[in-house]
Amino acid sequence: MSGKLTEIMPGLHAPLTAPLSFRRKAQYQVLCYRRGQRNYVRLKEKGTG
C-alpha cells in the first residue's frame, strides 16, 4: 500500500487521509470483535434472525 499510515490502536493502522470518524468507527468495530460481541439487532428487527 502506498502512502503513510497512522496507528489507531495496537494492530490497527489507517491512511493519514482517512477521516477521523472512519478511524473511530473502525476502532469501535475491532474492539467489539475482540470482545466477542456481535450485533444481531437489525436481523431480529427484520424478522430474519
PDB file of N, CA and C in Angstrom:
ATOM      1  N   MET A   1       0.853  -1.173   0.000  1.00  0.00           N
ATOM      2  CA  MET A   1       0.000   0.000   0.000  1.00  0.00           C
ATOM      3  C   MET A   1       0.895   1.231   0.000  1.00  0.00           C
ATOM      4  N   SER A   2       0.614   2.149  -0.877  1.00  0.00           N
ATOM      5  CA  SER A   2       1.410   3.360  -0.923  1.00  0.00           C
ATOM      6  C   SER A   2       0.835   4.389   0.041  1.00  0.00           C
ATOM      7  N   GLY A   3       1.667   5.285   0.482  1.00  0.00           N
ATOM      8  CA  GLY A   3       1.222   6.310   1.415  1.00  0.00           C
ATOM      9  C   GLY A   3       1.568   5.953   2.836  1.00  0.00           C
ATOM     10  N   LYS A   4       1.451   6.950   3.684  1.00  0.00           N
ATOM     11  CA  LYS A   4       1.803   6.742   5.082  1.00  0.00           C
ATOM     12  C   LYS A   4       0.586   6.318   5.885  1.00  0.00           C
ATOM     13  N   LEU A   5       0.856   5.497   6.888  1.00  0.00           N
ATOM     14  CA  LEU A   5      -0.204   5.010   7.759  1.00  0.00           C
ATOM     15  C   LEU A   5       0.005   5.544   9.166  1.00  0.00           C
ATOM     16  N   THR A   6      -1.091   5.684   9.880  1.00  0.00           N
ATOM     17  CA  THR A   6      -1.041   6.047  11.283  1.00  0.00           C
ATOM     18  C   THR A   6      -1.640   4.904  12.084  1.00  0.00           C
ATOM     19  N   GLU A   7      -1.109   4.684  13.263  1.00  0.00           N
ATOM     20  CA  GLU A   7      -1.605   3.602  14.106  1.00  0.00           C
ATOM     21  C   GLU A   7      -2.752   4.130  14.962  1.00  0.00           C
ATOM     22  N   ILE A   8      -3.934   3.551  14.777  1.00  0.00           N
ATOM     23  CA  ILE A   8      -5.109   3.951  15.548  1.00  0.00           C
ATOM     24  C   ILE A   8      -5.035   3.327  16.932  1.00  0.00           C
ATOM     25  N   MET A   9      -4.728   2.051  16.964  1.00  0.00           N
ATOM     26  CA  MET A   9      -4.556   1.291  18.196  1.00  0.00           C
ATOM     27  C   MET A   9      -3.620   0.144  17.855  1.00  0.00           C
ATOM     28  N   PRO A  10      -3.078  -0.557  18.843  1.00  0.00           N
ATOM     29  CA  PRO A  10      -2.156  -1.650  18.517  1.00  0.00           C
ATOM     30  C   PRO A  10      -2.776  -2.665  17.549  1.00  0.00           C
ATOM     31  N   GLY A  11      -2.131  -2.848  16.417  1.00  0.00           N
ATOM     32  CA  GLY A  11      -2.598  -3.797  15.417  1.00  0.00           C
ATOM     33  C   GLY A  11      -3.568  -3.232  14.399  1.00  0.00           C
ATOM     34  N   LEU A  12      -3.897  -1.946  14.496  1.00  0.00           N
ATOM     35  CA  LEU A  12      -4.850  -1.337  13.562  1.00  0.00           C
ATOM     36  C   LEU A  12      -4.250  -0.056  13.004  1.00  0.00           C
ATOM     37  N   HIS A  13      -4.069  -0.030  11.682  1.00  0.00           N
ATOM     38  CA  HIS A  13      -3.479   1.122  11.016  1.00  0.00           C
ATOM     39  C   HIS A  13      -4.454   1.672   9.987  1.00  0.00           C
ATOM     40  N   ALA A  14      -4.354   2.972   9.725  1.00  0.00           N
ATOM     41  CA  ALA A  14      -5.217   3.618   8.740  1.00  0.00           C
ATOM     42  C   ALA A  14      -4.405   4.663   7.979  1.00  0.00           C
ATOM     43  N   PRO A  15      -4.797   4.953   6.742  1.00  0.00           N
ATOM     44  CA  PRO A  15      -4.119   6.014   5.995  1.00  0.00           C
ATOM     45  C   PRO A  15      -4.309   7.361   6.693  1.00  0.00           C
ATOM     46  N   LEU A  16      -3.340   8.238   6.534  1.00  0.00           N
ATOM     47  CA  LEU A  16      -3.442   9.570   7.131  1.00  0.00           C
ATOM     48  C   LEU A  16      -4.623  10.356   6.566  1.00  0.00           C
ATOM     49  N   THR A  17      -5.056   9.999   5.357  1.00  0.00           N
ATOM     50  CA  THR A  17      -6.153  10.725   4.711  1.00  0.00           C
ATOM     51  C   THR A  17      -7.530  10.250   5.164  1.00  0.00           C
ATOM     52  N   ALA A  18      -7.593   9.177   5.954  1.00  0.00           N
ATOM     53  CA  ALA A  18      -8.885   8.654   6.413  1.00  0.00           C
ATOM     54  C   ALA A  18      -9.509   9.630   7.406  1.00  0.00           C
ATOM     55  N   PRO A  19     -10.803   9.935   7.243  1.00  0.00           N
ATOM     56  CA  PRO A  19     -11.469  10.846   8.179  1.00  0.00           C
ATOM     57  C   PRO A  19     -11.472  10.287   9.602  1.00  0.00           C
ATOM     58  N   LEU A  20     -11.465  11.178  10.574  1.00  0.00           N
ATOM     59  CA  LEU A  20     -11.428  10.780  11.979  1.00  0.00           C
ATOM     60  C   LEU A  20     -12.631   9.917  12.343  1.00  0.00           C
ATOM     61  N   SER A  21     -13.803  10.220  11.782  1.00  0.00           N
ATOM     62  CA  SER A  21     -15.000   9.432  12.097  1.00  0.00           C
ATOM     63  C   SER A  21     -14.835   7.987  11.634  1.00  0.00           C
ATOM     64  N   PHE A  22     -14.190   7.771  10.489  1.00  0.00           N
ATOM     65  CA  PHE A  22     -13.955   6.416   9.991  1.00  0.00           C
ATOM     66  C   PHE A  22     -12.988   5.674  10.901  1.00  0.00           C
ATOM     67  N   ARG A  23     -11.975   6.383  11.376  1.00  0.00           N
ATOM     68  CA  ARG A  23     -10.997   5.759  12.274  1.00  0.00           C
ATOM     69  C   ARG A  23     -11.654   5.324  13.573  1.00  0.00           C
ATOM     70  N   ARG A  24     -12.511   6.177  14.112  1.00  0.00           N
ATOM     71  CA  ARG A  24     -13.201   5.843  15.364  1.00  0.00           C
ATOM     72  C   ARG A  24     -14.136   4.657  15.179  1.00  0.00           C
ATOM     73  N   LYS A  25     -14.840   4.622  14.048  1.00  0.00           N
ATOM     74  CA  LYS A  25     -15.749   3.506  13.791  1.00  0.00           C
ATOM     75  C   LYS A  25     -14.966   2.200  13.653  1.00  0.00           C
ATOM     76  N   ALA A  26     -13.845   2.243  12.959  1.00  0.00           N
ATOM     77  CA  ALA A  26     -13.018   1.044  12.803  1.00  0.00           C
ATOM     78  C   ALA A  26     -12.500   0.573  14.154  1.00  0.00           C
ATOM     79  N   GLN A  27     -12.081   1.511  14.989  1.00  0.00           N
ATOM     80  CA  GLN A  27     -11.582   1.151  16.317  1.00  0.00           C
ATOM     81  C   GLN A  27     -12.685   0.506  17.143  1.00  0.00           C
ATOM     82  N   TYR A  28     -13.880   1.067  17.096  1.00  0.00           N
ATOM     83  CA  TYR A  28     -15.016   0.522  17.846  1.00  0.00           C
ATOM     84  C   TYR A  28     -15.354  -0.894  17.367  1.00  0.00           C
ATOM     85  N   GLN A  29     -15.376  -1.085  16.045  1.00  0.00           N
ATOM     86  CA  GLN A  29     -15.718  -2.391  15.495  1.00  0.00           C
ATOM     87  C   GLN A  29     -14.679  -3.445  15.869  1.00  0.00           C
ATOM     88  N   VAL A  30     -13.397  -3.081  15.849  1.00  0.00           N
ATOM     89  CA  VAL A  30     -12.347  -4.029  16.218  1.00  0.00           C
ATOM     90  C   VAL A  30     -12.448  -4.378  17.697  1.00  0.00           C
ATOM     91  N   LEU A  31     -12.714  -3.380  18.547  1.00  0.00           N
ATOM     92  CA  LEU A  31     -12.860  -3.656  19.977  1.00  0.00           C
ATOM     93  C   LEU A  31     -14.028  -4.602  20.233  1.00  0.00           C
ATOM     94  N   CYS A  32     -15.153  -4.372  19.571  1.00  0.00           N
ATOM     95  CA  CYS A  32     -16.310  -5.259  19.733  1.00  0.00           C
ATOM     96  C   CYS A  32     -15.981  -6.668  19.254  1.00  0.00           C
ATOM     97  N   TYR A  33     -15.283  -6.778  18.134  1.00  0.00           N
ATOM     98  CA  TYR A  33     -14.909  -8.087  17.598  1.00  0.00           C
ATOM     99  C   TYR A  33     -13.997  -8.830  18.574  1.00  0.00           C
ATOM    100  N   ARG A  34     -13.037  -8.117  19.133  1.00  0.00           N
ATOM    101  CA  ARG A  34     -12.094  -8.753  20.061  1.00  0.00           C
ATOM    102  C   ARG A  34     -12.777  -9.184  21.351  1.00  0.00           C
ATOM    103  N   ARG A  35     -13.831  -8.486  21.752  1.00  0.00           N
ATOM    104  CA  ARG A  35     -14.589  -8.862  22.947  1.00  0.00           C
ATOM    105  C   ARG A  35     -15.555 -10.006  22.660  1.00  0.00           C
ATOM    106  N   GLY A  36     -15.781 -10.298  21.387  1.00  0.00           N
ATOM    107  CA  GLY A  36     -16.710 -11.357  21.016  1.00  0.00           C
ATOM    108  C   GLY A  36     -18.140 -10.881  20.919  1.00  0.00           C
ATOM    109  N   GLN A  37     -18.343  -9.560  20.901  1.00  0.00           N
ATOM    110  CA  GLN A  37     -19.697  -9.020  20.800  1.00  0.00           C
ATOM    111  C   GLN A  37     -20.124  -8.993  19.336  1.00  0.00           C
ATOM    112  N   ARG A  38     -21.390  -9.273  19.128  1.00  0.00           N
ATOM    113  CA  ARG A  38     -21.943  -9.190  17.778  1.00  0.00           C
ATOM    114  C   ARG A  38     -23.274  -8.469  17.843  1.00  0.00           C
ATOM    115  N   ASN A  39     -23.619  -7.810  16.778  1.00  0.00           N
ATOM    116  CA  ASN A  39     -24.849  -7.037  16.754  1.00  0.00           C
ATOM    117  C   ASN A  39     -25.860  -7.734  15.841  1.00  0.00           C
ATOM    118  N   TYR A  40     -26.840  -8.396  16.452  1.00  0.00           N
ATOM    119  CA  TYR A  40     -27.877  -9.071  15.685  1.00  0.00           C
ATOM    120  C   TYR A  40     -29.191  -8.302  15.728  1.00  0.00           C
ATOM    121  N   VAL A  41     -29.179  -7.073  16.223  1.00  0.00           N
ATOM    122  CA  VAL A  41     -30.407  -6.296  16.393  1.00  0.00           C
ATOM    123  C   VAL A  41     -31.114  -6.093  15.059  1.00  0.00           C
ATOM    124  N   ARG A  42     -30.374  -5.740  14.033  1.00  0.00           N
ATOM    125  CA  ARG A  42     -31.002  -5.459  12.741  1.00  0.00           C
ATOM    126  C   ARG A  42     -31.643  -6.714  12.158  1.00  0.00           C
ATOM    127  N   LEU A  43     -30.988  -7.856  12.338  1.00  0.00           N
ATOM    128  CA  LEU A  43     -31.566  -9.098  11.832  1.00  0.00           C
ATOM    129  C   LEU A  43     -32.889  -9.397  12.528  1.00  0.00           C
ATOM    130  N   LYS A  44     -32.942  -9.221  13.839  1.00  0.00           N
ATOM    131  CA  LYS A  44     -34.161  -9.508  14.586  1.00  0.00           C
ATOM    132  C   LYS A  44     -35.265  -8.525  14.234  1.00  0.00           C
ATOM    133  N   GLU A  45     -34.907  -7.267  13.984  1.00  0.00           N
ATOM    134  CA  GLU A  45     -35.910  -6.268  13.621  1.00  0.00           C
ATOM    135  C   GLU A  45     -36.570  -6.617  12.292  1.00  0.00           C
ATOM    136  N   LYS A  46     -35.790  -7.166  11.372  1.00  0.00           N
ATOM    137  CA  LYS A  46     -36.324  -7.501  10.056  1.00  0.00           C
ATOM    138  C   LYS A  46     -37.024  -8.855  10.056  1.00  0.00           C
ATOM    139  N   GLY A  47     -36.899  -9.605  11.146  1.00  0.00           N
ATOM    140  CA  GLY A  47     -37.567 -10.892  11.232  1.00  0.00           C
ATOM    141  C   GLY A  47     -36.836 -12.019  10.536  1.00  0.00           C
ATOM    142  N   THR A  48     -35.558 -11.821  10.242  1.00  0.00           N
ATOM    143  CA  THR A  48     -34.806 -12.870   9.558  1.00  0.00           C
ATOM    144  C   THR A  48     -33.829 -13.564  10.491  1.00  0.00           C
ATOM    145  N   GLY A  49     -33.771 -13.142  11.771  1.00  0.00           N
ATOM    146  CA  GLY A  49     -32.756 -13.665  12.687  1.00  0.00           C
ATOM    147  C   GLY A  49     -33.202 -14.799  13.505  1.00  0.00           C
TER     148      GLY A  49
END
